[in-house]
Amino acid sequence: MPNDKGEKFMPRFNEQERETISHTLMSEGEKLFSNYGLRKVTVDDLAEVANISKGSFYAFFQSKEHLFIEINFKLQSKLFDEVENELRKKENLPKDELLVLGIKLLLHGFLHHPILTNLESNTWEYLRRKLPTEVFEKHTLDDSKIIDKFIELGIEFKEPYNVLIRLLRVIFSCLAELKDDPEQERILDIVIYGIVQQIVV
């Protein structure tokens, strides 16, 4: 509704409405970003799926990039915790088998949430440029955290952090390279087992 100056106010939402809209933006935003990529999805698209105005979108997120990184952060945090919980149930496995299982669980999670595989280095740099520093840093998961989880489970590595992180990224990059390949699972198994044999004490 415009005021006496002709300015438009964004509608006010109660707590339940805000929670519902925020959940819709997160869930439907994940679908849109997964299907079309960050750059092709617009704020208009996101507002439409949440049944709100474009102006109202900014009552929830500063930008589409802010929503994108929020979705990624929450999904990765949840995935890392789920993998850790699953591995703790099988701590008695030989450590190389435990690591193989951990990597496979991570890959399964990435496949289940394609938006996670869209976070390539160029997208990451784009987000760094577009987002305020405090927002970017707050929603950045250090890749070393998953290595820390493996170490906490008793897995000992022959290689330093920087090498381990790059090797994990190599494995994850295979997801995009082998997309729709009927031999994807077999090839990934060979890559994972080959790498694990070289890095676990």
Foldseek 3Di string as FASTA:
>chain_A
DADPVRDDDFDDDDPVLLVLLLVQLLVVLLVCCLVPNQVVDALCNSCVSSVGDSVVVCVPAVGSLLSLLVSLLVLVVVQLVVLLVVLVVVLVPPLLVSVLSSLVSSLVSCVVRVSNLSCDPVVLVVSCVPDDPVSSVVSDDDLCVSVVSSVVSVWDWPDDSVVVSVLSVVLSNVCVVCPPPPCSVVVSVVSSSVVSVHITD
